[in-house]
């Protein structure tokens, strides 16, 4: 299953890794391109999950359209204080055919 996790904080990253571990095709979206590039290079998210190695199969992007392209499931994992602005940025990109799940907290 193709799944996109929106939000590369600790919660979003941990859930993306879990879904990846179950064999799903997972893309993790983060708002800051430079930090996404760093995570791609190092395979780590040291800001939010120190010492944890990201699976090679986990795709990382800061491009909204790329993140949700062909996704069957979109998992919203942005912190609650950023939820509205993050979701508004995906307006028109998330289609009615996609299952949307919110695991937003905090």
PDB file of N, CA and C in Angstrom:
ATOM      1  N   UNK A   1       0.841  -1.175   0.000  1.00  0.00           N
ATOM      2  CA  UNK A   1       0.000   0.000   0.000  1.00  0.00           C
ATOM      3  C   UNK A   1       0.891   1.243   0.000  1.00  0.00           C
ATOM      4  N   UNK A   2       0.518   2.239  -0.761  1.00  0.00           N
ATOM      5  CA  UNK A   2       1.283   3.491  -0.817  1.00  0.00           C
ATOM      6  C   UNK A   2       0.721   4.463   0.219  1.00  0.00           C
ATOM      7  N   UNK A   3       1.560   4.816   1.185  1.00  0.00           N
ATOM      8  CA  UNK A   3       1.144   5.652   2.302  1.00  0.00           C
ATOM      9  C   UNK A   3       2.057   6.875   2.401  1.00  0.00           C
ATOM     10  N   UNK A   4       1.441   8.032   2.640  1.00  0.00           N
ATOM     11  CA  UNK A   4       2.192   9.257   2.884  1.00  0.00           C
ATOM     12  C   UNK A   4       1.944   9.690   4.319  1.00  0.00           C
ATOM     13  N   UNK A   5       3.020   9.988   5.025  1.00  0.00           N
ATOM     14  CA  UNK A   5       2.918  10.546   6.368  1.00  0.00           C
ATOM     15  C   UNK A   5       3.320  12.013   6.280  1.00  0.00           C
ATOM     16  N   UNK A   6       2.424  12.878   6.695  1.00  0.00           N
ATOM     17  CA  UNK A   6       2.668  14.316   6.654  1.00  0.00           C
ATOM     18  C   UNK A   6       3.105  14.771   8.040  1.00  0.00           C
ATOM     19  N   UNK A   7       4.363  15.156   8.137  1.00  0.00           N
ATOM     20  CA  UNK A   7       4.925  15.613   9.407  1.00  0.00           C
ATOM     21  C   UNK A   7       6.111  14.763   9.804  1.00  0.00           C
ATOM     22  N   UNK A   8       7.312  15.345   9.731  1.00  0.00           N
ATOM     23  CA  UNK A   8       8.538  14.590  10.000  1.00  0.00           C
ATOM     24  C   UNK A   8       9.078  14.808  11.414  1.00  0.00           C
ATOM     25  N   UNK A   9       8.189  15.153  12.346  1.00  0.00           N
ATOM     26  CA  UNK A   9       8.592  15.208  13.748  1.00  0.00           C
ATOM     27  C   UNK A   9       8.790  13.792  14.273  1.00  0.00           C
ATOM     28  N   UNK A  10       9.023  13.659  15.539  1.00  0.00           N
ATOM     29  CA  UNK A  10       9.249  12.342  16.130  1.00  0.00           C
ATOM     30  C   UNK A  10       8.083  11.397  15.923  1.00  0.00           C
ATOM     31  N   UNK A  11       6.863  11.895  16.144  1.00  0.00           N
ATOM     32  CA  UNK A  11       5.661  11.079  16.027  1.00  0.00           C
ATOM     33  C   UNK A  11       5.444  10.627  14.578  1.00  0.00           C
ATOM     34  N   UNK A  12       5.525  11.553  13.642  1.00  0.00           N
ATOM     35  CA  UNK A  12       5.338  11.204  12.241  1.00  0.00           C
ATOM     36  C   UNK A  12       6.419  10.266  11.736  1.00  0.00           C
ATOM     37  N   UNK A  13       7.662  10.542  12.111  1.00  0.00           N
ATOM     38  CA  UNK A  13       8.778   9.700  11.672  1.00  0.00           C
ATOM     39  C   UNK A  13       8.665   8.293  12.242  1.00  0.00           C
ATOM     40  N   UNK A  14       8.341   8.177  13.518  1.00  0.00           N
ATOM     41  CA  UNK A  14       8.202   6.850  14.147  1.00  0.00           C
ATOM     42  C   UNK A  14       7.090   6.048  13.477  1.00  0.00           C
ATOM     43  N   UNK A  15       5.974   6.698  13.188  1.00  0.00           N
ATOM     44  CA  UNK A  15       4.876   5.998  12.526  1.00  0.00           C
ATOM     45  C   UNK A  15       5.218   5.640  11.087  1.00  0.00           C
ATOM     46  N   UNK A  16       5.928   6.503  10.390  1.00  0.00           N
ATOM     47  CA  UNK A  16       6.365   6.197   9.028  1.00  0.00           C
ATOM     48  C   UNK A  16       7.287   4.980   9.025  1.00  0.00           C
ATOM     49  N   UNK A  17       8.179   4.930  10.014  1.00  0.00           N
ATOM     50  CA  UNK A  17       9.091   3.784  10.120  1.00  0.00           C
ATOM     51  C   UNK A  17       8.314   2.497  10.414  1.00  0.00           C
ATOM     52  N   UNK A  18       7.326   2.582  11.277  1.00  0.00           N
ATOM     53  CA  UNK A  18       6.499   1.420  11.606  1.00  0.00           C
ATOM     54  C   UNK A  18       5.779   0.907  10.363  1.00  0.00           C
ATOM     55  N   UNK A  19       5.174   1.811   9.619  1.00  0.00           N
ATOM     56  CA  UNK A  19       4.468   1.425   8.395  1.00  0.00           C
ATOM     57  C   UNK A  19       5.425   0.840   7.359  1.00  0.00           C
ATOM     58  N   UNK A  20       6.603   1.404   7.269  1.00  0.00           N
ATOM     59  CA  UNK A  20       7.649   0.892   6.372  1.00  0.00           C
ATOM     60  C   UNK A  20       8.017  -0.541   6.777  1.00  0.00           C
ATOM     61  N   UNK A  21       8.129  -0.755   8.066  1.00  0.00           N
ATOM     62  CA  UNK A  21       8.479  -2.073   8.587  1.00  0.00           C
ATOM     63  C   UNK A  21       7.444  -3.141   8.264  1.00  0.00           C
ATOM     64  N   UNK A  22       6.209  -2.717   8.049  1.00  0.00           N
ATOM     65  CA  UNK A  22       5.148  -3.648   7.663  1.00  0.00           C
ATOM     66  C   UNK A  22       5.112  -3.867   6.153  1.00  0.00           C
ATOM     67  N   UNK A  23       6.081  -3.284   5.447  1.00  0.00           N
ATOM     68  CA  UNK A  23       6.215  -3.525   4.019  1.00  0.00           C
ATOM     69  C   UNK A  23       5.483  -2.553   3.112  1.00  0.00           C
ATOM     70  N   UNK A  24       4.945  -1.492   3.680  1.00  0.00           N
ATOM     71  CA  UNK A  24       4.250  -0.506   2.858  1.00  0.00           C
ATOM     72  C   UNK A  24       5.255   0.420   2.155  1.00  0.00           C
ATOM     73  N   UNK A  25       4.810   1.013   1.071  1.00  0.00           N
ATOM     74  CA  UNK A  25       5.585   1.996   0.315  1.00  0.00           C
ATOM     75  C   UNK A  25       5.291   3.349   0.966  1.00  0.00           C
ATOM     76  N   UNK A  26       6.236   3.847   1.772  1.00  0.00           N
ATOM     77  CA  UNK A  26       5.968   5.016   2.615  1.00  0.00           C
ATOM     78  C   UNK A  26       6.822   6.212   2.208  1.00  0.00           C
ATOM     79  N   UNK A  27       6.146   7.361   2.113  1.00  0.00           N
ATOM     80  CA  UNK A  27       6.805   8.641   1.894  1.00  0.00           C
ATOM     81  C   UNK A  27       6.536   9.518   3.103  1.00  0.00           C
ATOM     82  N   UNK A  28       7.583  10.132   3.630  1.00  0.00           N
ATOM     83  CA  UNK A  28       7.475  11.040   4.765  1.00  0.00           C
ATOM     84  C   UNK A  28       7.702  12.458   4.261  1.00  0.00           C
ATOM     85  N   UNK A  29       6.735  13.340   4.535  1.00  0.00           N
ATOM     86  CA  UNK A  29       6.839  14.733   4.112  1.00  0.00           C
ATOM     87  C   UNK A  29       7.226  15.613   5.290  1.00  0.00           C
ATOM     88  N   UNK A  30       8.172  16.538   5.043  1.00  0.00           N
ATOM     89  CA  UNK A  30       8.561  17.532   6.028  1.00  0.00           C
ATOM     90  C   UNK A  30       8.555  18.909   5.389  1.00  0.00           C
ATOM     91  N   UNK A  31       8.324  19.920   6.193  1.00  0.00           N
ATOM     92  CA  UNK A  31       8.139  21.284   5.688  1.00  0.00           C
ATOM     93  C   UNK A  31       9.430  21.989   5.291  1.00  0.00           C
ATOM     94  N   UNK A  32      10.571  21.486   5.732  1.00  0.00           N
ATOM     95  CA  UNK A  32      11.827  22.211   5.524  1.00  0.00           C
ATOM     96  C   UNK A  32      12.761  21.433   4.599  1.00  0.00           C
ATOM     97  N   UNK A  33      12.888  21.870   3.336  1.00  0.00           N
ATOM     98  CA  UNK A  33      13.681  21.136   2.343  1.00  0.00           C
ATOM     99  C   UNK A  33      15.122  20.848   2.783  1.00  0.00           C
ATOM    100  N   UNK A  34      15.782  21.803   3.419  1.00  0.00           N
ATOM    101  CA  UNK A  34      17.168  21.576   3.845  1.00  0.00           C
ATOM    102  C   UNK A  34      17.258  20.444   4.857  1.00  0.00           C
ATOM    103  N   UNK A  35      16.294  20.388   5.769  1.00  0.00           N
ATOM    104  CA  UNK A  35      16.324  19.329   6.771  1.00  0.00           C
ATOM    105  C   UNK A  35      15.949  17.973   6.166  1.00  0.00           C
ATOM    106  N   UNK A  36      15.032  17.968   5.208  1.00  0.00           N
ATOM    107  CA  UNK A  36      14.705  16.723   4.502  1.00  0.00           C
ATOM    108  C   UNK A  36      15.940  16.219   3.766  1.00  0.00           C
ATOM    109  N   UNK A  37      16.682  17.121   3.111  1.00  0.00           N
ATOM    110  CA  UNK A  37      17.925  16.726   2.429  1.00  0.00           C
ATOM    111  C   UNK A  37      18.922  16.124   3.414  1.00  0.00           C
ATOM    112  N   UNK A  38      19.047  16.730   4.587  1.00  0.00           N
ATOM    113  CA  UNK A  38      19.957  16.202   5.616  1.00  0.00           C
ATOM    114  C   UNK A  38      19.535  14.794   6.047  1.00  0.00           C
ATOM    115  N   UNK A  39      18.236  14.601   6.236  1.00  0.00           N
ATOM    116  CA  UNK A  39      17.745  13.275   6.632  1.00  0.00           C
ATOM    117  C   UNK A  39      17.997  12.245   5.539  1.00  0.00           C
ATOM    118  N   UNK A  40      17.824  12.658   4.287  1.00  0.00           N
ATOM    119  CA  UNK A  40      18.097  11.760   3.165  1.00  0.00           C
ATOM    120  C   UNK A  40      19.563  11.340   3.151  1.00  0.00           C
ATOM    121  N   UNK A  41      20.448  12.320   3.377  1.00  0.00           N
ATOM    122  CA  UNK A  41      21.897  12.054   3.360  1.00  0.00           C
ATOM    123  C   UNK A  41      22.342  11.169   4.524  1.00  0.00           C
ATOM    124  N   UNK A  42      21.869  11.496   5.719  1.00  0.00           N
ATOM    125  CA  UNK A  42      22.345  10.818   6.933  1.00  0.00           C
ATOM    126  C   UNK A  42      21.515   9.615   7.336  1.00  0.00           C
ATOM    127  N   UNK A  43      20.289   9.526   6.797  1.00  0.00           N
ATOM    128  CA  UNK A  43      19.315   8.496   7.174  1.00  0.00           C
ATOM    129  C   UNK A  43      19.004   8.560   8.666  1.00  0.00           C
ATOM    130  N   UNK A  44      18.961   9.797   9.191  1.00  0.00           N
ATOM    131  CA  UNK A  44      18.640  10.040  10.606  1.00  0.00           C
ATOM    132  C   UNK A  44      17.783  11.290  10.725  1.00  0.00           C
ATOM    133  N   UNK A  45      16.977  11.335  11.777  1.00  0.00           N
ATOM    134  CA  UNK A  45      16.191  12.512  12.128  1.00  0.00           C
ATOM    135  C   UNK A  45      16.643  12.915  13.534  1.00  0.00           C
ATOM    136  N   UNK A  46      17.833  13.483  13.598  1.00  0.00           N
ATOM    137  CA  UNK A  46      18.467  13.775  14.895  1.00  0.00           C
ATOM    138  C   UNK A  46      17.730  14.821  15.728  1.00  0.00           C
ATOM    139  N   UNK A  47      16.951  15.674  15.110  1.00  0.00           N
ATOM    140  CA  UNK A  47      16.188  16.677  15.882  1.00  0.00           C
ATOM    141  C   UNK A  47      15.117  16.029  16.747  1.00  0.00           C
ATOM    142  N   UNK A  48      14.508  14.978  16.238  1.00  0.00           N
ATOM    143  CA  UNK A  48      13.338  14.415  16.904  1.00  0.00           C
ATOM    144  C   UNK A  48      13.479  12.954  17.327  1.00  0.00           C
ATOM    145  N   UNK A  49      14.406  12.213  16.740  1.00  0.00           N
ATOM    146  CA  UNK A  49      14.618  10.804  17.093  1.00  0.00           C
ATOM    147  C   UNK A  49      16.114  10.511  17.106  1.00  0.00           C
ATOM    148  N   UNK A  50      16.783  11.035  18.078  1.00  0.00           N
ATOM    149  CA  UNK A  50      18.245  10.889  18.153  1.00  0.00           C
ATOM    150  C   UNK A  50      18.675   9.426  18.145  1.00  0.00           C
ATOM    151  N   UNK A  51      19.673   9.148  17.296  1.00  0.00           N
ATOM    152  CA  UNK A  51      20.282   7.825  17.258  1.00  0.00           C
ATOM    153  C   UNK A  51      19.499   6.766  16.501  1.00  0.00           C
ATOM    154  N   UNK A  52      18.352   7.109  15.958  1.00  0.00           N
ATOM    155  CA  UNK A  52      17.528   6.137  15.239  1.00  0.00           C
ATOM    156  C   UNK A  52      17.842   6.236  13.744  1.00  0.00           C
ATOM    157  N   UNK A  53      18.129   5.098  13.129  1.00  0.00           N
ATOM    158  CA  UNK A  53      18.441   5.057  11.700  1.00  0.00           C
ATOM    159  C   UNK A  53      17.147   4.878  10.915  1.00  0.00           C
ATOM    160  N   UNK A  54      16.946   5.730   9.921  1.00  0.00           N
ATOM    161  CA  UNK A  54      15.763   5.644   9.068  1.00  0.00           C
ATOM    162  C   UNK A  54      15.940   4.521   8.049  1.00  0.00           C
ATOM    163  N   UNK A  55      14.907   3.731   7.811  1.00  0.00           N
ATOM    164  CA  UNK A  55      15.021   2.642   6.830  1.00  0.00           C
ATOM    165  C   UNK A  55      15.330   3.181   5.434  1.00  0.00           C
ATOM    166  N   UNK A  56      16.129   2.442   4.703  1.00  0.00           N
ATOM    167  CA  UNK A  56      16.464   2.850   3.333  1.00  0.00           C
ATOM    168  C   UNK A  56      15.216   2.968   2.459  1.00  0.00           C
ATOM    169  N   UNK A  57      14.211   2.157   2.738  1.00  0.00           N
ATOM    170  CA  UNK A  57      12.990   2.154   1.931  1.00  0.00           C
ATOM    171  C   UNK A  57      12.119   3.386   2.167  1.00  0.00           C
ATOM    172  N   UNK A  58      12.344   4.117   3.256  1.00  0.00           N
ATOM    173  CA  UNK A  58      11.535   5.293   3.573  1.00  0.00           C
ATOM    174  C   UNK A  58      11.928   6.454   2.665  1.00  0.00           C
ATOM    175  N   UNK A  59      10.955   6.927   1.890  1.00  0.00           N
ATOM    176  CA  UNK A  59      11.202   8.075   1.011  1.00  0.00           C
ATOM    177  C   UNK A  59      10.955   9.350   1.796  1.00  0.00           C
ATOM    178  N   UNK A  60      11.744  10.373   1.528  1.00  0.00           N
ATOM    179  CA  UNK A  60      11.629  11.663   2.215  1.00  0.00           C
ATOM    180  C   UNK A  60      11.493  12.771   1.185  1.00  0.00           C
ATOM    181  N   UNK A  61      10.565  13.685   1.431  1.00  0.00           N
ATOM    182  CA  UNK A  61      10.378  14.794   0.503  1.00  0.00           C
ATOM    183  C   UNK A  61       9.829  16.014   1.233  1.00  0.00           C
ATOM    184  N   UNK A  62      10.113  17.180   0.674  1.00  0.00           N
ATOM    185  CA  UNK A  62       9.521  18.428   1.145  1.00  0.00           C
ATOM    186  C   UNK A  62       8.554  18.975   0.096  1.00  0.00           C
ATOM    187  N   UNK A  63       8.371  18.240  -0.978  1.00  0.00           N
ATOM    188  CA  UNK A  63       7.489  18.639  -2.059  1.00  0.00           C
ATOM    189  C   UNK A  63       6.096  18.039  -1.807  1.00  0.00           C
ATOM    190  N   UNK A  64       5.111  18.894  -1.620  1.00  0.00           N
ATOM    191  CA  UNK A  64       3.767  18.427  -1.269  1.00  0.00           C
ATOM    192  C   UNK A  64       3.158  17.527  -2.351  1.00  0.00           C
ATOM    193  N   UNK A  65       3.233  17.963  -3.591  1.00  0.00           N
ATOM    194  CA  UNK A  65       2.635  17.185  -4.688  1.00  0.00           C
ATOM    195  C   UNK A  65       3.309  15.820  -4.807  1.00  0.00           C
ATOM    196  N   UNK A  66       4.622  15.806  -4.728  1.00  0.00           N
ATOM    197  CA  UNK A  66       5.360  14.544  -4.795  1.00  0.00           C
ATOM    198  C   UNK A  66       4.975  13.636  -3.631  1.00  0.00           C
ATOM    199  N   UNK A  67       4.798  14.217  -2.463  1.00  0.00           N
ATOM    200  CA  UNK A  67       4.489  13.435  -1.263  1.00  0.00           C
ATOM    201  C   UNK A  67       3.201  12.635  -1.414  1.00  0.00           C
ATOM    202  N   UNK A  68       2.166  13.247  -1.957  1.00  0.00           N
ATOM    203  CA  UNK A  68       0.860  12.580  -2.003  1.00  0.00           C
ATOM    204  C   UNK A  68       0.533  11.944  -3.347  1.00  0.00           C
ATOM    205  N   UNK A  69       1.430  12.079  -4.302  1.00  0.00           N
ATOM    206  CA  UNK A  69       1.182  11.499  -5.628  1.00  0.00           C
ATOM    207  C   UNK A  69       0.937   9.995  -5.507  1.00  0.00           C
ATOM    208  N   UNK A  70      -0.211   9.554  -5.996  1.00  0.00           N
ATOM    209  CA  UNK A  70      -0.605   8.138  -6.015  1.00  0.00           C
ATOM    210  C   UNK A  70      -0.776   7.525  -4.623  1.00  0.00           C
ATOM    211  N   UNK A  71      -0.832   8.339  -3.576  1.00  0.00           N
ATOM    212  CA  UNK A  71      -1.015   7.790  -2.229  1.00  0.00           C
ATOM    213  C   UNK A  71      -2.414   7.202  -2.092  1.00  0.00           C
ATOM    214  N   UNK A  72      -2.478   6.069  -1.410  1.00  0.00           N
ATOM    215  CA  UNK A  72      -3.768   5.458  -1.092  1.00  0.00           C
ATOM    216  C   UNK A  72      -4.229   5.925   0.286  1.00  0.00           C
ATOM    217  N   UNK A  73      -3.260   6.160   1.168  1.00  0.00           N
ATOM    218  CA  UNK A  73      -3.543   6.607   2.531  1.00  0.00           C
ATOM    219  C   UNK A  73      -2.647   7.802   2.831  1.00  0.00           C
ATOM    220  N   UNK A  74      -3.228   8.838   3.448  1.00  0.00           N
ATOM    221  CA  UNK A  74      -2.477  10.007   3.894  1.00  0.00           C
ATOM    222  C   UNK A  74      -2.650  10.093   5.403  1.00  0.00           C
ATOM    223  N   UNK A  75      -1.525  10.044   6.113  1.00  0.00           N
ATOM    224  CA  UNK A  75      -1.535  10.108   7.573  1.00  0.00           C
ATOM    225  C   UNK A  75      -1.087  11.507   7.984  1.00  0.00           C
ATOM    226  N   UNK A  76      -1.968  12.219   8.680  1.00  0.00           N
ATOM    227  CA  UNK A  76      -1.663  13.581   9.144  1.00  0.00           C
ATOM    228  C   UNK A  76      -1.032  13.475  10.529  1.00  0.00           C
ATOM    229  N   UNK A  77       0.256  13.813  10.608  1.00  0.00           N
ATOM    230  CA  UNK A  77       0.991  13.682  11.868  1.00  0.00           C
ATOM    231  C   UNK A  77       1.659  14.977  12.289  1.00  0.00           C
ATOM    232  N   UNK A  78       1.211  16.090  11.727  1.00  0.00           N
ATOM    233  CA  UNK A  78       1.770  17.389  12.117  1.00  0.00           C
ATOM    234  C   UNK A  78       1.281  17.745  13.519  1.00  0.00           C
ATOM    235  N   UNK A  79       2.101  18.423  14.326  1.00  0.00           N
ATOM    236  CA  UNK A  79       1.653  18.846  15.651  1.00  0.00           C
ATOM    237  C   UNK A  79       0.395  19.720  15.546  1.00  0.00           C
ATOM    238  N   UNK A  80      -0.480  19.624  16.529  1.00  0.00           N
ATOM    239  CA  UNK A  80      -1.776  20.314  16.463  1.00  0.00           C
ATOM    240  C   UNK A  80      -1.641  21.823  16.244  1.00  0.00           C
ATOM    241  N   UNK A  81      -0.596  22.442  16.784  1.00  0.00           N
ATOM    242  CA  UNK A  81      -0.477  23.897  16.606  1.00  0.00           C
ATOM    243  C   UNK A  81      -0.155  24.296  15.163  1.00  0.00           C
ATOM    244  N   UNK A  82       0.320  23.351  14.356  1.00  0.00           N
ATOM    245  CA  UNK A  82       0.621  23.616  12.944  1.00  0.00           C
ATOM    246  C   UNK A  82      -0.374  22.940  12.002  1.00  0.00           C
ATOM    247  N   UNK A  83      -1.327  22.214  12.555  1.00  0.00           N
ATOM    248  CA  UNK A  83      -2.229  21.381  11.767  1.00  0.00           C
ATOM    249  C   UNK A  83      -2.907  22.161  10.638  1.00  0.00           C
ATOM    250  N   UNK A  84      -3.561  23.272  10.974  1.00  0.00           N
ATOM    251  CA  UNK A  84      -4.321  24.018   9.978  1.00  0.00           C
ATOM    252  C   UNK A  84      -3.442  24.499   8.834  1.00  0.00           C
ATOM    253  N   UNK A  85      -2.305  25.104   9.158  1.00  0.00           N
ATOM    254  CA  UNK A  85      -1.444  25.628   8.095  1.00  0.00           C
ATOM    255  C   UNK A  85      -0.862  24.505   7.236  1.00  0.00           C
ATOM    256  N   UNK A  86      -0.522  23.389   7.852  1.00  0.00           N
ATOM    257  CA  UNK A  86       0.023  22.265   7.085  1.00  0.00           C
ATOM    258  C   UNK A  86      -1.044  21.699   6.149  1.00  0.00           C
ATOM    259  N   UNK A  87      -2.231  21.446   6.676  1.00  0.00           N
ATOM    260  CA  UNK A  87      -3.297  20.871   5.859  1.00  0.00           C
ATOM    261  C   UNK A  87      -3.704  21.821   4.730  1.00  0.00           C
ATOM    262  N   UNK A  88      -3.761  23.108   5.011  1.00  0.00           N
ATOM    263  CA  UNK A  88      -4.106  24.078   3.960  1.00  0.00           C
ATOM    264  C   UNK A  88      -3.102  24.031   2.813  1.00  0.00           C
ATOM    265  N   UNK A  89      -1.844  23.732   3.124  1.00  0.00           N
ATOM    266  CA  UNK A  89      -0.823  23.631   2.088  1.00  0.00           C
ATOM    267  C   UNK A  89      -1.040  22.464   1.134  1.00  0.00           C
ATOM    268  N   UNK A  90      -1.849  21.496   1.542  1.00  0.00           N
ATOM    269  CA  UNK A  90      -2.140  20.323   0.712  1.00  0.00           C
ATOM    270  C   UNK A  90      -3.490  20.436  -0.004  1.00  0.00           C
ATOM    271  N   UNK A  91      -4.133  21.598   0.133  1.00  0.00           N
ATOM    272  CA  UNK A  91      -5.437  21.803  -0.493  1.00  0.00           C
ATOM    273  C   UNK A  91      -5.339  21.550  -1.997  1.00  0.00           C
ATOM    274  N   UNK A  92      -6.240  20.733  -2.496  1.00  0.00           N
ATOM    275  CA  UNK A  92      -6.260  20.398  -3.916  1.00  0.00           C
ATOM    276  C   UNK A  92      -5.347  19.241  -4.293  1.00  0.00           C
ATOM    277  N   UNK A  93      -4.500  18.806  -3.377  1.00  0.00           N
ATOM    278  CA  UNK A  93      -3.570  17.699  -3.667  1.00  0.00           C
ATOM    279  C   UNK A  93      -4.055  16.366  -3.102  1.00  0.00           C
ATOM    280  N   UNK A  94      -4.825  16.438  -2.027  1.00  0.00           N
ATOM    281  CA  UNK A  94      -5.390  15.230  -1.427  1.00  0.00           C
ATOM    282  C   UNK A  94      -6.760  15.028  -2.051  1.00  0.00           C
ATOM    283  N   UNK A  95      -6.957  13.871  -2.670  1.00  0.00           N
ATOM    284  CA  UNK A  95      -8.191  13.621  -3.408  1.00  0.00           C
ATOM    285  C   UNK A  95      -9.180  12.812  -2.584  1.00  0.00           C
ATOM    286  N   UNK A  96     -10.407  12.753  -3.067  1.00  0.00           N
ATOM    287  CA  UNK A  96     -11.462  12.017  -2.363  1.00  0.00           C
ATOM    288  C   UNK A  96     -11.210  10.505  -2.364  1.00  0.00           C
ATOM    289  N   UNK A  97     -10.326  10.030  -3.234  1.00  0.00           N
ATOM    290  CA  UNK A  97     -10.010   8.609  -3.300  1.00  0.00           C
ATOM    291  C   UNK A  97      -9.004   8.180  -2.230  1.00  0.00           C
ATOM    292  N   UNK A  98      -8.378   9.137  -1.588  1.00  0.00           N
ATOM    293  CA  UNK A  98      -7.363   8.844  -0.566  1.00  0.00           C
ATOM    294  C   UNK A  98      -8.020   8.730   0.807  1.00  0.00           C
ATOM    295  N   UNK A  99      -7.647   7.715   1.527  1.00  0.00           N
ATOM    296  CA  UNK A  99      -8.085   7.589   2.920  1.00  0.00           C
ATOM    297  C   UNK A  99      -7.202   8.510   3.751  1.00  0.00           C
ATOM    298  N   UNK A 100      -7.810   9.394   4.531  1.00  0.00           N
ATOM    299  CA  UNK A 100      -7.046  10.331   5.352  1.00  0.00           C
ATOM    300  C   UNK A 100      -7.233   9.958   6.814  1.00  0.00           C
ATOM    301  N   UNK A 101      -6.101   9.801   7.511  1.00  0.00           N
ATOM    302  CA  UNK A 101      -6.096   9.421   8.919  1.00  0.00           C
ATOM    303  C   UNK A 101      -5.330  10.476   9.689  1.00  0.00           C
ATOM    304  N   UNK A 102      -5.916  10.979  10.756  1.00  0.00           N
ATOM    305  CA  UNK A 102      -5.217  11.957  11.581  1.00  0.00           C
ATOM    306  C   UNK A 102      -4.691  11.293  12.854  1.00  0.00           C
ATOM    307  N   UNK A 103      -3.399  11.449  13.081  1.00  0.00           N
ATOM    308  CA  UNK A 103      -2.794  11.012  14.344  1.00  0.00           C
ATOM    309  C   UNK A 103      -2.149  12.203  15.047  1.00  0.00           C
ATOM    310  N   UNK A 104      -2.644  13.384  14.673  1.00  0.00           N
ATOM    311  CA  UNK A 104      -2.128  14.634  15.229  1.00  0.00           C
ATOM    312  C   UNK A 104      -2.296  14.648  16.741  1.00  0.00           C
ATOM    313  N   UNK A 105      -1.281  15.189  17.423  1.00  0.00           N
ATOM    314  CA  UNK A 105      -1.334  15.313  18.881  1.00  0.00           C
ATOM    315  C   UNK A 105      -0.599  16.581  19.282  1.00  0.00           C
ATOM    316  N   UNK A 106      -0.618  16.838  20.563  1.00  0.00           N
ATOM    317  CA  UNK A 106       0.154  17.930  21.127  1.00  0.00           C
ATOM    318  C   UNK A 106      -0.319  19.261  20.739  1.00  0.00           C
TER     319      UNK A 106
END
